[in-house]
């Protein structure tokens, strides 16, 4: 797969992750949202997600989807960091696809004090049916009655 195809597939994958994060935070119950300190900000064509009481450390406090529709600038990064500080955030991860059209985003983040960390991989495959593996697990759509248990398992 050439870089042009990878870039064409990467942007929708990044956008999907942005919308998933927003949906996850907005669909949480009020009590869960308050307990975890959930908040988010749509900014720069992406989203800044914040969980002030994240039981995983800081996995959920991240900035996603930047660089596709607007450039990542010093001013944008400063605005995002100010928002995190004002809302009780103590750490944040900027998750930027290496395939965004902007090529100078790394120095912007470096000037703001960020250092390179781990990397994420989004896997892409064709749409042919997958190989079937024998199992006794059941796969079924969740019903409204499953919602609370799903949320408990997901957040745990």
N, C-alpha and C. Protein backbone atom coordinates (compact mmCIF):
# COMPACT_ATOMS: atom_id res chain seq x y z
N UNK A 1 0.85 -1.16 0.00
CA UNK A 1 0.00 0.00 0.00
C UNK A 1 0.91 1.24 0.00
N UNK A 2 0.69 2.14 -0.94
CA UNK A 2 1.53 3.33 -1.02
C UNK A 2 1.07 4.38 0.00
N UNK A 3 1.91 5.43 0.19
CA UNK A 3 1.62 6.46 1.19
C UNK A 3 0.34 7.23 0.88
N UNK A 4 0.03 7.43 -0.38
CA UNK A 4 -1.19 8.14 -0.75
C UNK A 4 -2.43 7.36 -0.27
N UNK A 5 -2.39 6.04 -0.47
CA UNK A 5 -3.51 5.21 0.00
C UNK A 5 -3.57 5.19 1.53
N UNK A 6 -2.40 5.10 2.18
CA UNK A 6 -2.37 5.11 3.64
C UNK A 6 -2.96 6.41 4.19
N UNK A 7 -2.58 7.52 3.58
CA UNK A 7 -3.10 8.81 4.02
C UNK A 7 -4.60 8.89 3.81
N UNK A 8 -5.08 8.40 2.69
CA UNK A 8 -6.52 8.42 2.40
C UNK A 8 -7.30 7.59 3.41
N UNK A 9 -6.71 6.52 3.92
CA UNK A 9 -7.37 5.68 4.91
C UNK A 9 -7.16 6.20 6.33
N UNK A 10 -6.06 6.87 6.58
CA UNK A 10 -5.73 7.33 7.92
C UNK A 10 -6.66 8.43 8.40
N UNK A 11 -6.99 9.38 7.54
CA UNK A 11 -7.84 10.49 7.98
C UNK A 11 -9.20 10.01 8.48
N UNK A 12 -9.91 9.14 7.76
CA UNK A 12 -11.19 8.64 8.32
C UNK A 12 -11.00 7.85 9.61
N UNK A 13 -9.90 7.12 9.73
CA UNK A 13 -9.64 6.37 10.97
C UNK A 13 -9.44 7.33 12.13
N UNK A 14 -8.70 8.40 11.91
CA UNK A 14 -8.49 9.40 12.95
C UNK A 14 -9.80 10.09 13.31
N UNK A 15 -10.58 10.44 12.30
CA UNK A 15 -11.87 11.10 12.54
C UNK A 15 -12.81 10.18 13.33
N UNK A 16 -12.80 8.90 13.02
CA UNK A 16 -13.63 7.93 13.75
C UNK A 16 -13.22 7.89 15.21
N UNK A 17 -11.93 7.91 15.48
CA UNK A 17 -11.47 7.89 16.87
C UNK A 17 -11.88 9.16 17.62
N UNK A 18 -11.83 10.30 16.93
CA UNK A 18 -12.29 11.56 17.54
C UNK A 18 -13.75 11.44 17.94
N UNK A 19 -14.59 10.99 17.01
CA UNK A 19 -16.02 10.90 17.28
C UNK A 19 -16.34 9.84 18.33
N UNK A 20 -15.58 8.75 18.35
CA UNK A 20 -15.75 7.74 19.39
C UNK A 20 -15.48 8.34 20.76
N UNK A 21 -14.40 9.12 20.87
CA UNK A 21 -14.06 9.74 22.15
C UNK A 21 -15.15 10.70 22.61
N UNK A 22 -15.65 11.51 21.69
CA UNK A 22 -16.72 12.45 22.04
C UNK A 22 -17.96 11.67 22.48
N UNK A 23 -18.35 10.67 21.71
CA UNK A 23 -19.52 9.86 22.06
C UNK A 23 -19.34 9.19 23.42
N UNK A 24 -18.17 8.65 23.67
CA UNK A 24 -17.90 7.98 24.94
C UNK A 24 -18.09 8.93 26.11
N UNK A 25 -17.60 10.14 25.97
CA UNK A 25 -17.70 11.11 27.05
C UNK A 25 -19.11 11.65 27.19
N UNK A 26 -19.79 11.90 26.08
CA UNK A 26 -21.14 12.50 26.17
C UNK A 26 -22.19 11.48 26.57
N UNK A 27 -21.96 10.20 26.31
CA UNK A 27 -22.94 9.18 26.64
C UNK A 27 -22.78 8.62 28.05
N UNK A 28 -21.72 9.00 28.73
CA UNK A 28 -21.53 8.54 30.11
C UNK A 28 -22.63 9.14 30.98
N UNK A 29 -23.06 8.40 31.98
CA UNK A 29 -24.07 8.92 32.90
C UNK A 29 -23.51 10.14 33.63
N UNK A 30 -24.40 10.97 34.14
CA UNK A 30 -23.96 12.16 34.88
C UNK A 30 -23.08 11.77 36.07
N UNK A 31 -23.47 10.72 36.78
CA UNK A 31 -22.69 10.33 37.96
C UNK A 31 -21.31 9.83 37.56
N UNK A 32 -21.22 9.03 36.49
CA UNK A 32 -19.93 8.55 36.03
C UNK A 32 -19.08 9.71 35.51
N UNK A 33 -19.70 10.60 34.77
CA UNK A 33 -19.00 11.76 34.23
C UNK A 33 -18.40 12.60 35.35
N UNK A 34 -19.17 12.83 36.39
CA UNK A 34 -18.68 13.61 37.53
C UNK A 34 -17.59 12.86 38.29
N UNK A 35 -17.79 11.57 38.51
CA UNK A 35 -16.81 10.77 39.25
C UNK A 35 -15.46 10.73 38.53
N UNK A 36 -15.50 10.59 37.20
CA UNK A 36 -14.24 10.51 36.44
C UNK A 36 -13.72 11.87 36.00
N UNK A 37 -14.53 12.90 36.11
CA UNK A 37 -14.09 14.24 35.69
C UNK A 37 -13.97 14.33 34.18
N UNK A 38 -15.01 13.90 33.47
CA UNK A 38 -14.97 13.89 32.00
C UNK A 38 -15.28 15.27 31.43
N UNK A 39 -14.52 15.65 30.44
CA UNK A 39 -14.78 16.88 29.70
C UNK A 39 -14.07 16.76 28.36
N UNK A 40 -14.51 17.55 27.40
CA UNK A 40 -13.82 17.57 26.12
C UNK A 40 -14.02 18.92 25.46
N UNK A 41 -13.14 19.20 24.51
CA UNK A 41 -13.18 20.45 23.76
C UNK A 41 -12.90 20.13 22.31
N UNK A 42 -13.82 20.51 21.43
CA UNK A 42 -13.55 20.40 19.99
C UNK A 42 -12.71 21.61 19.61
N UNK A 43 -11.56 21.34 19.02
CA UNK A 43 -10.62 22.42 18.71
C UNK A 43 -9.69 21.99 17.59
N UNK A 44 -9.34 22.91 16.72
CA UNK A 44 -8.34 22.66 15.69
C UNK A 44 -8.67 21.52 14.75
N UNK A 45 -9.96 21.23 14.57
CA UNK A 45 -10.35 20.11 13.71
C UNK A 45 -10.30 18.78 14.42
N UNK A 46 -9.99 18.78 15.71
CA UNK A 46 -9.91 17.54 16.48
C UNK A 46 -10.64 17.70 17.79
N UNK A 47 -10.17 16.97 18.80
CA UNK A 47 -10.79 17.03 20.12
C UNK A 47 -9.71 16.88 21.19
N UNK A 48 -9.89 17.64 22.26
CA UNK A 48 -9.09 17.47 23.47
C UNK A 48 -10.00 16.78 24.47
N UNK A 49 -9.65 15.58 24.89
CA UNK A 49 -10.45 14.81 25.84
C UNK A 49 -9.73 14.83 27.18
N UNK A 50 -10.51 15.00 28.25
CA UNK A 50 -9.94 15.10 29.59
C UNK A 50 -10.69 14.21 30.56
N UNK A 51 -9.95 13.41 31.31
CA UNK A 51 -10.50 12.63 32.41
C UNK A 51 -9.62 12.94 33.62
N UNK A 52 -10.09 13.83 34.50
CA UNK A 52 -9.24 14.25 35.62
C UNK A 52 -9.03 13.16 36.66
N UNK A 53 -9.96 12.22 36.77
CA UNK A 53 -9.83 11.12 37.73
C UNK A 53 -9.68 9.79 37.01
N UNK A 54 -8.75 9.74 36.09
CA UNK A 54 -8.54 8.58 35.24
C UNK A 54 -7.90 7.44 36.04
N UNK A 55 -8.60 6.32 36.22
CA UNK A 55 -8.02 5.21 36.99
C UNK A 55 -6.85 4.53 36.27
N UNK A 56 -6.67 4.82 34.98
CA UNK A 56 -5.56 4.22 34.24
C UNK A 56 -4.31 5.08 34.27
N UNK A 57 -4.36 6.22 34.91
CA UNK A 57 -3.24 7.16 34.90
C UNK A 57 -3.64 8.37 34.09
N UNK A 58 -3.27 8.37 32.81
CA UNK A 58 -3.69 9.48 31.96
C UNK A 58 -4.01 9.03 30.54
N UNK A 59 -4.38 7.79 30.38
CA UNK A 59 -4.70 7.26 29.06
C UNK A 59 -5.77 8.08 28.34
N UNK A 60 -6.81 8.50 29.05
CA UNK A 60 -7.96 9.14 28.41
C UNK A 60 -7.79 10.63 28.20
N UNK A 61 -6.75 11.24 28.74
CA UNK A 61 -6.51 12.66 28.52
C UNK A 61 -5.58 12.81 27.33
N UNK A 62 -6.20 13.02 26.18
CA UNK A 62 -5.43 13.06 24.95
C UNK A 62 -6.07 13.99 23.93
N UNK A 63 -5.24 14.46 23.02
CA UNK A 63 -5.68 15.31 21.91
C UNK A 63 -5.59 14.47 20.65
N UNK A 64 -6.70 14.40 19.93
CA UNK A 64 -6.80 13.55 18.75
C UNK A 64 -7.25 14.36 17.54
N UNK A 65 -6.85 13.93 16.38
CA UNK A 65 -7.41 14.42 15.13
C UNK A 65 -6.86 15.74 14.62
N UNK A 66 -5.80 16.24 15.21
CA UNK A 66 -5.25 17.52 14.74
C UNK A 66 -4.42 17.33 13.47
N UNK A 67 -4.31 18.42 12.71
CA UNK A 67 -3.41 18.46 11.56
C UNK A 67 -4.04 18.13 10.22
N UNK A 68 -5.28 17.66 10.22
CA UNK A 68 -5.92 17.30 8.96
C UNK A 68 -6.60 18.48 8.30
N UNK A 69 -7.32 19.28 9.09
CA UNK A 69 -8.09 20.39 8.51
C UNK A 69 -7.53 21.75 8.86
N UNK A 70 -6.76 21.82 9.93
CA UNK A 70 -6.13 23.07 10.35
C UNK A 70 -4.71 22.75 10.79
N UNK A 71 -3.80 23.71 10.63
CA UNK A 71 -2.42 23.43 11.04
C UNK A 71 -2.28 23.38 12.56
N UNK A 72 -1.33 22.61 13.03
CA UNK A 72 -0.98 22.56 14.43
C UNK A 72 0.04 23.68 14.66
N UNK A 73 -0.38 24.70 15.38
CA UNK A 73 0.47 25.88 15.58
C UNK A 73 0.81 26.04 17.05
N UNK A 74 1.79 26.90 17.32
CA UNK A 74 2.14 27.21 18.70
C UNK A 74 0.94 27.76 19.45
N UNK A 75 0.19 28.64 18.81
CA UNK A 75 -0.99 29.23 19.46
C UNK A 75 -2.05 28.18 19.76
N UNK A 76 -2.28 27.25 18.84
CA UNK A 76 -3.27 26.20 19.06
C UNK A 76 -2.86 25.31 20.23
N UNK A 77 -1.60 24.91 20.26
CA UNK A 77 -1.12 24.06 21.35
C UNK A 77 -1.23 24.80 22.69
N UNK A 78 -0.87 26.08 22.72
CA UNK A 78 -0.98 26.87 23.95
C UNK A 78 -2.43 26.96 24.40
N UNK A 79 -3.36 27.16 23.47
CA UNK A 79 -4.78 27.23 23.82
C UNK A 79 -5.26 25.90 24.41
N UNK A 80 -4.83 24.81 23.83
CA UNK A 80 -5.22 23.48 24.34
C UNK A 80 -4.64 23.27 25.74
N UNK A 81 -3.38 23.57 25.93
CA UNK A 81 -2.76 23.38 27.25
C UNK A 81 -3.42 24.27 28.30
N UNK A 82 -3.76 25.50 27.93
CA UNK A 82 -4.46 26.38 28.87
C UNK A 82 -5.81 25.80 29.25
N UNK A 83 -6.51 25.21 28.28
CA UNK A 83 -7.81 24.59 28.57
C UNK A 83 -7.63 23.44 29.56
N UNK A 84 -6.62 22.59 29.33
CA UNK A 84 -6.37 21.47 30.26
C UNK A 84 -6.09 21.99 31.66
N UNK A 85 -5.22 22.99 31.77
CA UNK A 85 -4.90 23.54 33.10
C UNK A 85 -6.15 24.09 33.77
N UNK A 86 -6.95 24.84 33.03
CA UNK A 86 -8.15 25.48 33.59
C UNK A 86 -9.19 24.45 34.04
N UNK A 87 -9.14 23.25 33.45
CA UNK A 87 -10.13 22.22 33.77
C UNK A 87 -9.56 21.10 34.64
N UNK A 88 -8.40 21.33 35.25
CA UNK A 88 -7.86 20.38 36.21
C UNK A 88 -7.01 19.27 35.64
N UNK A 89 -6.64 19.37 34.38
CA UNK A 89 -5.79 18.34 33.78
C UNK A 89 -4.36 18.45 34.27
N UNK A 90 -3.73 17.31 34.53
CA UNK A 90 -2.35 17.32 35.01
C UNK A 90 -1.37 16.77 33.97
N UNK A 91 -1.88 16.09 32.97
CA UNK A 91 -1.03 15.57 31.90
C UNK A 91 -1.90 15.35 30.67
N UNK A 92 -1.25 15.32 29.52
CA UNK A 92 -1.98 15.13 28.27
C UNK A 92 -1.05 14.52 27.22
N UNK A 93 -1.62 13.71 26.37
CA UNK A 93 -0.91 13.11 25.24
C UNK A 93 -1.45 13.74 23.96
N UNK A 94 -0.57 14.20 23.10
CA UNK A 94 -0.97 14.64 21.76
C UNK A 94 -0.75 13.44 20.85
N UNK A 95 -1.81 12.95 20.26
CA UNK A 95 -1.75 11.80 19.37
C UNK A 95 -1.95 12.31 17.95
N UNK A 96 -0.86 12.42 17.21
CA UNK A 96 -0.90 12.98 15.86
C UNK A 96 -0.47 11.91 14.86
N UNK A 97 -1.27 11.73 13.84
CA UNK A 97 -0.91 10.76 12.80
C UNK A 97 0.31 11.25 12.04
N UNK A 98 1.29 10.38 11.80
CA UNK A 98 2.45 10.79 11.01
C UNK A 98 2.08 11.04 9.54
N UNK A 99 0.84 10.75 9.18
CA UNK A 99 0.41 10.94 7.79
C UNK A 99 -0.35 12.24 7.55
N UNK A 100 -0.50 13.09 8.59
CA UNK A 100 -1.20 14.35 8.36
C UNK A 100 -0.41 15.15 7.32
N UNK A 101 -1.12 15.95 6.52
CA UNK A 101 -0.44 16.70 5.46
C UNK A 101 0.62 17.69 5.98
N UNK A 102 0.39 18.24 7.17
CA UNK A 102 1.34 19.18 7.74
C UNK A 102 2.61 18.44 8.14
N UNK A 103 3.75 18.96 7.73
CA UNK A 103 5.00 18.26 8.01
C UNK A 103 5.78 18.87 9.17
N UNK A 104 5.38 20.05 9.65
CA UNK A 104 6.17 20.72 10.69
C UNK A 104 5.51 20.72 12.06
N UNK A 105 4.67 19.74 12.36
CA UNK A 105 3.99 19.72 13.65
C UNK A 105 4.89 19.26 14.79
N UNK A 106 5.87 18.44 14.52
CA UNK A 106 6.74 17.94 15.59
C UNK A 106 7.51 19.06 16.29
N UNK A 107 8.11 20.02 15.57
CA UNK A 107 8.79 21.11 16.27
C UNK A 107 7.84 21.97 17.12
N UNK A 108 6.60 22.09 16.68
CA UNK A 108 5.61 22.85 17.46
C UNK A 108 5.41 22.18 18.82
N UNK A 109 5.22 20.89 18.81
CA UNK A 109 5.01 20.17 20.07
C UNK A 109 6.28 20.16 20.92
N UNK A 110 7.42 20.06 20.29
CA UNK A 110 8.68 20.09 21.03
C UNK A 110 8.86 21.43 21.74
N UNK A 111 8.55 22.53 21.06
CA UNK A 111 8.66 23.85 21.69
C UNK A 111 7.74 23.97 22.91
N UNK A 112 6.63 23.22 22.90
CA UNK A 112 5.69 23.26 24.02
C UNK A 112 6.11 22.31 25.14
N UNK A 113 7.23 21.62 24.97
CA UNK A 113 7.74 20.74 26.02
C UNK A 113 7.39 19.28 25.87
N UNK A 114 6.77 18.89 24.78
CA UNK A 114 6.42 17.49 24.57
C UNK A 114 7.62 16.70 24.06
N UNK A 115 7.67 15.44 24.43
CA UNK A 115 8.68 14.54 23.91
C UNK A 115 7.98 13.35 23.26
N UNK A 116 8.64 12.74 22.31
CA UNK A 116 8.05 11.59 21.62
C UNK A 116 7.87 10.45 22.62
N UNK A 117 6.76 9.77 22.49
CA UNK A 117 6.48 8.64 23.37
C UNK A 117 6.20 7.41 22.54
N UNK A 118 5.35 6.58 23.05
CA UNK A 118 4.97 5.36 22.33
C UNK A 118 4.22 5.69 21.06
N UNK A 119 3.99 4.68 20.28
CA UNK A 119 3.23 4.89 19.05
C UNK A 119 2.03 3.94 19.04
N UNK A 120 1.01 4.35 18.30
CA UNK A 120 -0.20 3.57 18.13
C UNK A 120 -0.23 3.05 16.71
N UNK A 121 -0.86 1.92 16.53
CA UNK A 121 -1.01 1.36 15.20
C UNK A 121 -2.49 1.11 14.95
N UNK A 122 -2.97 1.63 13.85
CA UNK A 122 -4.34 1.33 13.43
C UNK A 122 -4.22 0.33 12.28
N UNK A 123 -4.87 -0.78 12.43
CA UNK A 123 -4.77 -1.85 11.43
C UNK A 123 -5.92 -1.73 10.44
N UNK A 124 -5.61 -1.92 9.20
CA UNK A 124 -6.59 -1.80 8.12
C UNK A 124 -6.53 -3.07 7.29
N UNK A 125 -7.69 -3.57 6.88
CA UNK A 125 -7.73 -4.77 6.05
C UNK A 125 -8.83 -4.61 5.01
N UNK A 126 -8.85 -5.53 4.05
CA UNK A 126 -9.92 -5.49 3.05
C UNK A 126 -11.23 -5.92 3.71
N UNK A 127 -12.30 -5.88 2.96
CA UNK A 127 -13.63 -6.15 3.53
C UNK A 127 -14.10 -7.59 3.32
N UNK A 128 -13.22 -8.46 2.87
CA UNK A 128 -13.63 -9.85 2.70
C UNK A 128 -13.95 -10.46 4.07
N UNK A 129 -14.80 -11.47 4.10
CA UNK A 129 -15.14 -12.09 5.39
C UNK A 129 -13.90 -12.68 6.06
N UNK A 130 -13.80 -12.54 7.38
CA UNK A 130 -12.64 -13.10 8.08
C UNK A 130 -12.74 -14.62 8.17
N UNK A 131 -11.60 -15.26 8.44
CA UNK A 131 -11.61 -16.69 8.69
C UNK A 131 -12.43 -16.95 9.94
N UNK A 132 -13.15 -18.04 9.95
CA UNK A 132 -14.00 -18.39 11.09
C UNK A 132 -13.21 -19.30 12.03
N UNK A 133 -13.16 -18.92 13.30
CA UNK A 133 -12.49 -19.74 14.32
C UNK A 133 -13.57 -20.34 15.22
N UNK A 134 -13.52 -21.65 15.47
CA UNK A 134 -14.53 -22.27 16.32
C UNK A 134 -14.44 -21.71 17.75
N UNK A 135 -15.61 -21.42 18.34
CA UNK A 135 -15.67 -20.91 19.70
C UNK A 135 -17.05 -21.15 20.29
N UNK A 136 -17.13 -21.18 21.61
CA UNK A 136 -18.43 -21.28 22.24
C UNK A 136 -18.93 -19.90 22.70
N UNK A 137 -18.15 -18.87 22.39
CA UNK A 137 -18.58 -17.51 22.71
C UNK A 137 -19.79 -17.14 21.86
N UNK A 138 -20.63 -16.31 22.41
CA UNK A 138 -21.79 -15.82 21.67
C UNK A 138 -21.58 -14.35 21.34
N UNK A 139 -21.87 -14.02 20.13
CA UNK A 139 -21.80 -12.62 19.70
C UNK A 139 -23.22 -12.20 19.35
N UNK A 140 -23.68 -11.15 20.00
CA UNK A 140 -25.03 -10.68 19.75
C UNK A 140 -25.08 -9.18 19.97
N UNK A 141 -26.04 -8.53 19.38
CA UNK A 141 -26.19 -7.09 19.64
C UNK A 141 -26.56 -6.86 21.10
N UNK A 142 -26.04 -5.78 21.67
CA UNK A 142 -26.43 -5.41 23.02
C UNK A 142 -27.82 -4.80 23.00
N UNK A 143 -28.54 -5.00 24.07
CA UNK A 143 -29.85 -4.37 24.20
C UNK A 143 -29.73 -3.24 25.23
N UNK A 144 -30.76 -2.48 25.36
CA UNK A 144 -30.75 -1.41 26.35
C UNK A 144 -30.49 -1.95 27.75
N UNK A 145 -30.99 -3.13 28.03
CA UNK A 145 -30.80 -3.75 29.33
C UNK A 145 -29.33 -4.09 29.60
N UNK A 146 -28.51 -4.23 28.55
CA UNK A 146 -27.10 -4.54 28.70
C UNK A 146 -26.24 -3.30 28.94
N UNK A 147 -26.82 -2.13 28.77
CA UNK A 147 -26.05 -0.89 28.77
C UNK A 147 -25.23 -0.65 30.02
N UNK A 148 -25.83 -0.79 31.18
CA UNK A 148 -25.12 -0.53 32.42
C UNK A 148 -23.96 -1.50 32.61
N UNK A 149 -24.20 -2.78 32.35
CA UNK A 149 -23.14 -3.79 32.51
C UNK A 149 -22.02 -3.54 31.51
N UNK A 150 -22.37 -3.19 30.27
CA UNK A 150 -21.35 -2.88 29.26
C UNK A 150 -20.47 -1.74 29.74
N UNK A 151 -21.09 -0.67 30.25
CA UNK A 151 -20.33 0.48 30.72
C UNK A 151 -19.40 0.09 31.87
N UNK A 152 -19.89 -0.73 32.79
CA UNK A 152 -19.05 -1.17 33.91
C UNK A 152 -17.83 -1.94 33.42
N UNK A 153 -18.06 -2.87 32.50
CA UNK A 153 -16.95 -3.68 31.97
C UNK A 153 -16.00 -2.80 31.17
N UNK A 154 -16.54 -1.94 30.32
CA UNK A 154 -15.68 -1.09 29.48
C UNK A 154 -14.80 -0.20 30.34
N UNK A 155 -15.38 0.50 31.30
CA UNK A 155 -14.61 1.42 32.12
C UNK A 155 -13.68 0.70 33.07
N UNK A 156 -14.02 -0.52 33.46
CA UNK A 156 -13.10 -1.28 34.34
C UNK A 156 -11.83 -1.63 33.57
